[in-house]
Amino acid sequence: MKSSWFLKFSNTLAKLAGRASTFVIAVVLVIVWGLSGPLFHFSDTWQLVINTSTTIVTFLMVFLIQNTQNRDTAAMQIKLDEIIRAIDTAHNALLDLEELDQKELGNFRKRYEKLAQEARDNLRSEDRDIDVSPLRDDRAGGGERRR
């Protein structure tokens, strides 16, 4: 698979930015900047250095993080769609839900909230849950869940 230069660049930068050592370097830079204050008589230029630096880094990181999050979300949606597709009893109507508007998503949500409530009510009354054996109490020595 061909990767664009931006994809490689953003992946590398995101990995570097997420390291503990990067955080330590940032803290050290802020400490050095703070300690250099008396040397520069806490001038406007001295303050401008940290303000400008942090603004630029923050501005660029917003786009880097958004790019990384968009790719991660898209990959996760594809994986979930494949799981739904592969399970015989799953509803294929749930594929690609992220493309629906809020009203359509709300309709699905209400439907599944109702199913969840019914399943909880069945468990409380010790009826069988859908396609799953009753839960056994771990404290009573049962410990495992059977299908």
N, C-alpha and C. Protein backbone atom coordinates (compact mmCIF):
# COMPACT_ATOMS: atom_id res chain seq x y z
N MET A 1 0.83 -1.17 0.00
CA MET A 1 0.00 0.00 0.00
C MET A 1 0.88 1.24 0.00
N LYS A 2 0.56 2.20 -0.83
CA LYS A 2 1.36 3.41 -0.94
C LYS A 2 0.93 4.42 0.13
N SER A 3 1.91 4.97 0.83
CA SER A 3 1.63 5.98 1.84
C SER A 3 2.10 7.33 1.35
N SER A 4 1.32 8.35 1.62
CA SER A 4 1.72 9.69 1.23
C SER A 4 2.79 10.19 2.20
N TRP A 5 3.53 11.19 1.76
CA TRP A 5 4.57 11.74 2.62
C TRP A 5 3.95 12.35 3.88
N PHE A 6 2.76 12.94 3.75
CA PHE A 6 2.13 13.53 4.93
C PHE A 6 1.72 12.47 5.93
N LEU A 7 1.24 11.33 5.44
CA LEU A 7 0.85 10.24 6.32
C LEU A 7 2.05 9.75 7.13
N LYS A 8 3.17 9.54 6.45
CA LYS A 8 4.39 9.10 7.14
C LYS A 8 4.84 10.16 8.14
N PHE A 9 4.83 11.42 7.69
CA PHE A 9 5.26 12.53 8.54
C PHE A 9 4.37 12.64 9.78
N SER A 10 3.05 12.61 9.57
CA SER A 10 2.14 12.78 10.71
C SER A 10 2.19 11.59 11.66
N ASN A 11 2.36 10.38 11.14
CA ASN A 11 2.50 9.21 12.01
C ASN A 11 3.75 9.32 12.87
N THR A 12 4.86 9.69 12.24
CA THR A 12 6.12 9.82 12.97
C THR A 12 6.01 10.91 14.02
N LEU A 13 5.47 12.06 13.63
CA LEU A 13 5.35 13.17 14.56
C LEU A 13 4.41 12.84 15.71
N ALA A 14 3.31 12.15 15.42
CA ALA A 14 2.37 11.77 16.47
C ALA A 14 3.02 10.80 17.46
N LYS A 15 3.81 9.85 16.95
CA LYS A 15 4.51 8.91 17.84
C LYS A 15 5.51 9.63 18.71
N LEU A 16 6.25 10.58 18.11
CA LEU A 16 7.23 11.34 18.88
C LEU A 16 6.55 12.22 19.93
N ALA A 17 5.47 12.86 19.55
CA ALA A 17 4.77 13.77 20.47
C ALA A 17 4.16 13.02 21.64
N GLY A 18 3.84 11.75 21.45
CA GLY A 18 3.21 10.97 22.50
C GLY A 18 4.16 10.30 23.47
N ARG A 19 5.43 10.48 23.28
CA ARG A 19 6.41 9.84 24.16
C ARG A 19 6.59 10.62 25.45
N ALA A 20 6.94 9.90 26.50
CA ALA A 20 7.23 10.55 27.78
C ALA A 20 8.44 11.47 27.67
N SER A 21 9.42 11.06 26.88
CA SER A 21 10.63 11.88 26.73
C SER A 21 10.32 13.23 26.10
N THR A 22 9.34 13.28 25.22
CA THR A 22 8.94 14.55 24.61
C THR A 22 8.35 15.47 25.67
N PHE A 23 7.56 14.92 26.56
CA PHE A 23 7.01 15.71 27.66
C PHE A 23 8.12 16.24 28.56
N VAL A 24 9.09 15.40 28.87
CA VAL A 24 10.21 15.82 29.72
C VAL A 24 10.98 16.95 29.04
N ILE A 25 11.21 16.83 27.75
CA ILE A 25 11.92 17.89 27.00
C ILE A 25 11.13 19.20 27.08
N ALA A 26 9.82 19.12 26.92
CA ALA A 26 8.99 20.33 26.99
C ALA A 26 9.06 20.97 28.37
N VAL A 27 9.02 20.15 29.41
CA VAL A 27 9.12 20.67 30.78
C VAL A 27 10.48 21.33 31.00
N VAL A 28 11.54 20.68 30.54
CA VAL A 28 12.89 21.24 30.67
C VAL A 28 12.99 22.58 29.95
N LEU A 29 12.43 22.67 28.74
CA LEU A 29 12.46 23.93 28.00
C LEU A 29 11.73 25.05 28.75
N VAL A 30 10.60 24.73 29.35
CA VAL A 30 9.85 25.73 30.11
C VAL A 30 10.65 26.16 31.35
N ILE A 31 11.29 25.21 32.01
CA ILE A 31 12.11 25.54 33.18
C ILE A 31 13.29 26.42 32.79
N VAL A 32 13.97 26.05 31.71
CA VAL A 32 15.09 26.87 31.22
C VAL A 32 14.61 28.27 30.86
N TRP A 33 13.47 28.34 30.20
CA TRP A 33 12.91 29.65 29.86
C TRP A 33 12.63 30.45 31.13
N GLY A 34 12.01 29.82 32.12
CA GLY A 34 11.70 30.51 33.38
C GLY A 34 12.94 30.97 34.11
N LEU A 35 13.96 30.12 34.14
CA LEU A 35 15.21 30.48 34.82
C LEU A 35 15.98 31.57 34.08
N SER A 36 15.75 31.68 32.78
CA SER A 36 16.45 32.71 32.00
C SER A 36 15.79 34.08 32.15
N GLY A 37 14.67 34.16 32.82
CA GLY A 37 13.96 35.42 33.02
C GLY A 37 14.82 36.53 33.61
N PRO A 38 15.52 36.26 34.73
CA PRO A 38 16.35 37.33 35.31
C PRO A 38 17.46 37.79 34.35
N LEU A 39 17.98 36.88 33.57
CA LEU A 39 19.04 37.23 32.61
C LEU A 39 18.53 38.23 31.58
N PHE A 40 17.28 38.08 31.18
CA PHE A 40 16.68 38.98 30.18
C PHE A 40 15.79 40.04 30.83
N HIS A 41 15.88 40.16 32.17
CA HIS A 41 15.13 41.16 32.94
C HIS A 41 13.62 41.03 32.71
N PHE A 42 13.18 39.81 32.51
CA PHE A 42 11.76 39.51 32.31
C PHE A 42 11.12 40.45 31.29
N SER A 43 11.84 40.67 30.22
CA SER A 43 11.42 41.63 29.20
C SER A 43 10.23 41.12 28.39
N ASP A 44 9.65 42.03 27.61
CA ASP A 44 8.55 41.65 26.73
C ASP A 44 9.00 40.62 25.70
N THR A 45 10.22 40.76 25.22
CA THR A 45 10.75 39.81 24.24
C THR A 45 10.88 38.43 24.87
N TRP A 46 11.34 38.39 26.11
CA TRP A 46 11.47 37.13 26.84
C TRP A 46 10.11 36.44 26.94
N GLN A 47 9.07 37.20 27.27
CA GLN A 47 7.72 36.64 27.37
C GLN A 47 7.18 36.24 26.00
N LEU A 48 7.51 37.05 24.99
CA LEU A 48 7.04 36.78 23.64
C LEU A 48 7.57 35.46 23.10
N VAL A 49 8.78 35.10 23.49
CA VAL A 49 9.39 33.84 23.03
C VAL A 49 8.52 32.65 23.43
N ILE A 50 8.15 32.56 24.70
CA ILE A 50 7.36 31.40 25.14
C ILE A 50 5.94 31.48 24.60
N ASN A 51 5.37 32.67 24.58
CA ASN A 51 4.00 32.81 24.07
C ASN A 51 3.91 32.42 22.60
N THR A 52 4.83 32.90 21.80
CA THR A 52 4.82 32.58 20.37
C THR A 52 5.10 31.10 20.14
N SER A 53 6.08 30.57 20.84
CA SER A 53 6.44 29.15 20.68
C SER A 53 5.27 28.24 21.02
N THR A 54 4.66 28.47 22.16
CA THR A 54 3.55 27.59 22.56
C THR A 54 2.34 27.75 21.65
N THR A 55 2.11 28.96 21.17
CA THR A 55 0.99 29.17 20.25
C THR A 55 1.20 28.42 18.95
N ILE A 56 2.40 28.49 18.40
CA ILE A 56 2.69 27.80 17.14
C ILE A 56 2.59 26.28 17.31
N VAL A 57 3.19 25.77 18.39
CA VAL A 57 3.15 24.32 18.63
C VAL A 57 1.71 23.86 18.83
N THR A 58 0.95 24.58 19.61
CA THR A 58 -0.45 24.21 19.86
C THR A 58 -1.26 24.23 18.57
N PHE A 59 -1.09 25.27 17.78
CA PHE A 59 -1.81 25.40 16.52
C PHE A 59 -1.52 24.22 15.60
N LEU A 60 -0.26 23.86 15.46
CA LEU A 60 0.11 22.75 14.57
C LEU A 60 -0.34 21.40 15.13
N MET A 61 -0.25 21.23 16.45
CA MET A 61 -0.63 19.96 17.05
C MET A 61 -2.13 19.69 16.91
N VAL A 62 -2.95 20.73 16.90
CA VAL A 62 -4.39 20.54 16.72
C VAL A 62 -4.66 19.80 15.41
N PHE A 63 -4.00 20.21 14.35
CA PHE A 63 -4.22 19.58 13.05
C PHE A 63 -3.61 18.19 12.99
N LEU A 64 -2.47 18.01 13.61
CA LEU A 64 -1.84 16.69 13.65
C LEU A 64 -2.72 15.70 14.41
N ILE A 65 -3.20 16.11 15.56
CA ILE A 65 -4.05 15.24 16.37
C ILE A 65 -5.35 14.92 15.64
N GLN A 66 -5.94 15.91 14.99
CA GLN A 66 -7.19 15.68 14.26
C GLN A 66 -6.97 14.70 13.11
N ASN A 67 -5.86 14.85 12.40
CA ASN A 67 -5.55 13.95 11.29
C ASN A 67 -5.40 12.52 11.80
N THR A 68 -4.66 12.35 12.87
CA THR A 68 -4.45 11.03 13.45
C THR A 68 -5.76 10.43 13.94
N GLN A 69 -6.56 11.24 14.61
CA GLN A 69 -7.85 10.76 15.12
C GLN A 69 -8.80 10.38 13.99
N ASN A 70 -8.82 11.16 12.92
CA ASN A 70 -9.67 10.83 11.78
C ASN A 70 -9.30 9.47 11.18
N ARG A 71 -8.00 9.22 11.01
CA ARG A 71 -7.56 7.94 10.45
C ARG A 71 -7.88 6.79 11.39
N ASP A 72 -7.63 6.98 12.69
CA ASP A 72 -7.93 5.93 13.66
C ASP A 72 -9.42 5.61 13.70
N THR A 73 -10.24 6.65 13.67
CA THR A 73 -11.69 6.45 13.69
C THR A 73 -12.16 5.72 12.44
N ALA A 74 -11.65 6.12 11.28
CA ALA A 74 -12.04 5.47 10.03
C ALA A 74 -11.64 3.99 10.04
N ALA A 75 -10.44 3.69 10.52
CA ALA A 75 -9.98 2.30 10.59
C ALA A 75 -10.85 1.50 11.55
N MET A 76 -11.20 2.08 12.69
CA MET A 76 -12.03 1.39 13.66
C MET A 76 -13.43 1.14 13.09
N GLN A 77 -13.98 2.09 12.37
CA GLN A 77 -15.30 1.91 11.77
C GLN A 77 -15.29 0.77 10.76
N ILE A 78 -14.23 0.69 9.97
CA ILE A 78 -14.12 -0.40 8.99
C ILE A 78 -14.05 -1.74 9.70
N LYS A 79 -13.27 -1.81 10.77
CA LYS A 79 -13.16 -3.06 11.54
C LYS A 79 -14.51 -3.45 12.14
N LEU A 80 -15.21 -2.48 12.71
CA LEU A 80 -16.52 -2.77 13.28
C LEU A 80 -17.51 -3.21 12.20
N ASP A 81 -17.47 -2.54 11.06
CA ASP A 81 -18.33 -2.94 9.95
C ASP A 81 -18.05 -4.38 9.52
N GLU A 82 -16.79 -4.77 9.51
CA GLU A 82 -16.43 -6.13 9.13
C GLU A 82 -16.94 -7.13 10.17
N ILE A 83 -16.85 -6.78 11.44
CA ILE A 83 -17.37 -7.68 12.48
C ILE A 83 -18.88 -7.85 12.32
N ILE A 84 -19.58 -6.75 12.11
CA ILE A 84 -21.03 -6.83 11.90
C ILE A 84 -21.35 -7.69 10.69
N ARG A 85 -20.62 -7.47 9.61
CA ARG A 85 -20.86 -8.22 8.38
C ARG A 85 -20.60 -9.71 8.58
N ALA A 86 -19.59 -10.04 9.36
CA ALA A 86 -19.16 -11.43 9.52
C ALA A 86 -20.06 -12.24 10.46
N ILE A 87 -20.77 -11.58 11.34
CA ILE A 87 -21.62 -12.28 12.29
C ILE A 87 -22.99 -12.52 11.65
N ASP A 88 -23.36 -13.78 11.56
CA ASP A 88 -24.60 -14.15 10.87
C ASP A 88 -25.84 -13.50 11.47
N THR A 89 -25.88 -13.40 12.79
CA THR A 89 -27.10 -12.88 13.43
C THR A 89 -27.09 -11.36 13.59
N ALA A 90 -26.03 -10.71 13.17
CA ALA A 90 -25.96 -9.24 13.27
C ALA A 90 -26.82 -8.60 12.18
N HIS A 91 -27.27 -7.42 12.46
CA HIS A 91 -28.09 -6.68 11.50
C HIS A 91 -27.19 -5.86 10.58
N ASN A 92 -27.20 -6.19 9.30
CA ASN A 92 -26.37 -5.46 8.34
C ASN A 92 -26.81 -4.01 8.20
N ALA A 93 -27.99 -3.67 8.67
CA ALA A 93 -28.43 -2.27 8.64
C ALA A 93 -27.55 -1.39 9.53
N LEU A 94 -26.80 -2.03 10.44
CA LEU A 94 -25.92 -1.28 11.33
C LEU A 94 -24.60 -0.92 10.67
N LEU A 95 -24.35 -1.46 9.49
CA LEU A 95 -23.13 -1.10 8.77
C LEU A 95 -23.16 0.38 8.41
N ASP A 96 -22.03 1.03 8.56
CA ASP A 96 -21.87 2.41 8.11
C ASP A 96 -22.81 3.39 8.82
N LEU A 97 -23.10 3.14 10.09
CA LEU A 97 -23.99 4.02 10.86
C LEU A 97 -23.46 5.45 10.96
N GLU A 98 -22.16 5.60 10.93
CA GLU A 98 -21.57 6.94 11.09
C GLU A 98 -21.98 7.90 9.98
N GLU A 99 -22.55 7.37 8.91
CA GLU A 99 -22.99 8.22 7.80
C GLU A 99 -24.42 8.72 7.98
N LEU A 100 -25.13 8.23 8.99
CA LEU A 100 -26.52 8.64 9.21
C LEU A 100 -26.58 9.99 9.92
N ASP A 101 -27.72 10.68 9.77
CA ASP A 101 -27.88 11.95 10.49
C ASP A 101 -28.32 11.66 11.93
N GLN A 102 -28.39 12.71 12.75
CA GLN A 102 -28.68 12.55 14.17
C GLN A 102 -30.05 11.92 14.42
N LYS A 103 -31.03 12.26 13.61
CA LYS A 103 -32.38 11.71 13.80
C LYS A 103 -32.38 10.20 13.57
N GLU A 104 -31.74 9.76 12.49
CA GLU A 104 -31.69 8.33 12.19
C GLU A 104 -30.90 7.58 13.26
N LEU A 105 -29.79 8.17 13.72
CA LEU A 105 -29.02 7.55 14.79
C LEU A 105 -29.85 7.46 16.07
N GLY A 106 -30.62 8.50 16.34
CA GLY A 106 -31.49 8.50 17.52
C GLY A 106 -32.51 7.38 17.48
N ASN A 107 -33.04 7.12 16.30
CA ASN A 107 -34.01 6.02 16.15
C ASN A 107 -33.36 4.67 16.46
N PHE A 108 -32.15 4.45 15.93
CA PHE A 108 -31.43 3.21 16.24
C PHE A 108 -31.13 3.13 17.74
N ARG A 109 -30.67 4.26 18.31
CA ARG A 109 -30.31 4.28 19.73
C ARG A 109 -31.51 3.91 20.59
N LYS A 110 -32.68 4.47 20.30
CA LYS A 110 -33.89 4.16 21.07
C LYS A 110 -34.22 2.68 20.98
N ARG A 111 -34.08 2.13 19.79
CA ARG A 111 -34.38 0.71 19.58
C ARG A 111 -33.47 -0.17 20.44
N TYR A 112 -32.17 0.15 20.45
CA TYR A 112 -31.23 -0.67 21.21
C TYR A 112 -31.31 -0.39 22.70
N GLU A 113 -31.68 0.80 23.10
CA GLU A 113 -31.90 1.07 24.52
C GLU A 113 -33.08 0.25 25.03
N LYS A 114 -34.12 0.13 24.20
CA LYS A 114 -35.28 -0.68 24.57
C LYS A 114 -34.88 -2.15 24.70
N LEU A 115 -34.11 -2.66 23.74
CA LEU A 115 -33.63 -4.05 23.83
C LEU A 115 -32.78 -4.27 25.07
N ALA A 116 -31.92 -3.31 25.38
CA ALA A 116 -31.06 -3.43 26.56
C ALA A 116 -31.89 -3.45 27.84
N GLN A 117 -32.89 -2.58 27.91
CA GLN A 117 -33.75 -2.55 29.09
C GLN A 117 -34.51 -3.85 29.25
N GLU A 118 -35.03 -4.39 28.15
CA GLU A 118 -35.74 -5.67 28.20
C GLU A 118 -34.81 -6.78 28.68
N ALA A 119 -33.57 -6.78 28.20
CA ALA A 119 -32.61 -7.81 28.62
C ALA A 119 -32.30 -7.68 30.11
N ARG A 120 -32.14 -6.44 30.60
CA ARG A 120 -31.88 -6.24 32.03
C ARG A 120 -33.08 -6.69 32.87
N ASP A 121 -34.27 -6.36 32.40
CA ASP A 121 -35.48 -6.79 33.11
C ASP A 121 -35.55 -8.31 33.16
N ASN A 122 -35.22 -8.98 32.06
CA ASN A 122 -35.22 -10.44 32.03
C ASN A 122 -34.20 -11.01 33.01
N LEU A 123 -33.03 -10.38 33.09
CA LEU A 123 -32.01 -10.86 34.03
C LEU A 123 -32.47 -10.68 35.47
N ARG A 124 -33.12 -9.56 35.76
CA ARG A 124 -33.60 -9.30 37.12
C ARG A 124 -34.66 -10.32 37.53
N SER A 125 -35.48 -10.72 36.58
CA SER A 125 -36.53 -11.70 36.90
C SER A 125 -36.04 -13.13 36.68
N GLU A 126 -34.73 -13.25 36.49
CA GLU A 126 -34.06 -14.53 36.31
C GLU A 126 -34.54 -15.29 35.08
N ASP A 127 -35.10 -14.57 34.14
CA ASP A 127 -35.42 -15.17 32.85
C ASP A 127 -34.14 -15.23 32.03
N ARG A 128 -34.19 -15.98 30.99
CA ARG A 128 -33.02 -16.12 30.14
C ARG A 128 -32.84 -14.89 29.26
N ASP A 129 -31.62 -14.43 29.18
CA ASP A 129 -31.28 -13.32 28.29
C ASP A 129 -31.21 -13.87 26.86
N ILE A 130 -31.29 -13.02 25.89
CA ILE A 130 -31.29 -13.43 24.49
C ILE A 130 -30.00 -14.17 24.14
N ASP A 131 -30.10 -15.40 23.72
CA ASP A 131 -29.00 -16.22 23.23
C ASP A 131 -27.84 -16.41 24.21
N VAL A 132 -28.04 -16.16 25.48
CA VAL A 132 -26.96 -16.30 26.44
C VAL A 132 -27.50 -17.00 27.68
N SER A 133 -26.73 -17.94 28.19
CA SER A 133 -27.13 -18.61 29.42
C SER A 133 -27.18 -17.60 30.56
N PRO A 134 -27.98 -17.87 31.59
CA PRO A 134 -28.05 -16.95 32.73
C PRO A 134 -26.68 -16.76 33.36
N LEU A 135 -26.46 -15.54 33.88
CA LEU A 135 -25.21 -15.26 34.57
C LEU A 135 -25.23 -15.98 35.90
N ARG A 136 -24.08 -16.55 36.25
CA ARG A 136 -23.98 -17.23 37.53
C ARG A 136 -23.18 -16.36 38.47
N ASP A 137 -23.47 -16.45 39.73
CA ASP A 137 -22.79 -15.65 40.74
C ASP A 137 -21.40 -16.21 40.99
N ASP A 138 -20.35 -15.36 40.79
CA ASP A 138 -18.97 -15.79 40.99
C ASP A 138 -18.71 -16.18 42.45
N ARG A 139 -19.37 -15.53 43.38
CA ARG A 139 -19.13 -15.82 44.80
C ARG A 139 -19.66 -17.19 45.18
N ALA A 140 -20.60 -17.70 44.42
CA ALA A 140 -21.18 -19.00 44.73
C ALA A 140 -20.37 -20.14 44.13
N GLY A 141 -19.21 -19.80 43.55
CA GLY A 141 -18.35 -20.83 43.01
C GLY A 141 -18.59 -21.13 41.55
N GLY A 142 -19.57 -20.45 40.93
CA GLY A 142 -19.85 -20.67 39.51
C GLY A 142 -18.74 -20.14 38.65
N GLY A 143 -18.46 -18.86 38.82
CA GLY A 143 -17.30 -18.25 38.19
C GLY A 143 -17.34 -18.01 36.71
N GLU A 144 -17.81 -18.93 35.94
CA GLU A 144 -17.71 -18.75 34.49
C GLU A 144 -19.09 -18.60 33.86
N ARG A 145 -19.07 -18.08 32.68
CA ARG A 145 -20.30 -17.83 31.93
C ARG A 145 -20.36 -18.84 30.80
N ARG A 146 -21.46 -19.56 30.70
CA ARG A 146 -21.59 -20.57 29.66
C ARG A 146 -22.51 -20.08 28.58
N ARG A 147 -22.26 -20.52 27.36
CA ARG A 147 -23.12 -20.19 26.22
C ARG A 147 -23.85 -21.41 25.79
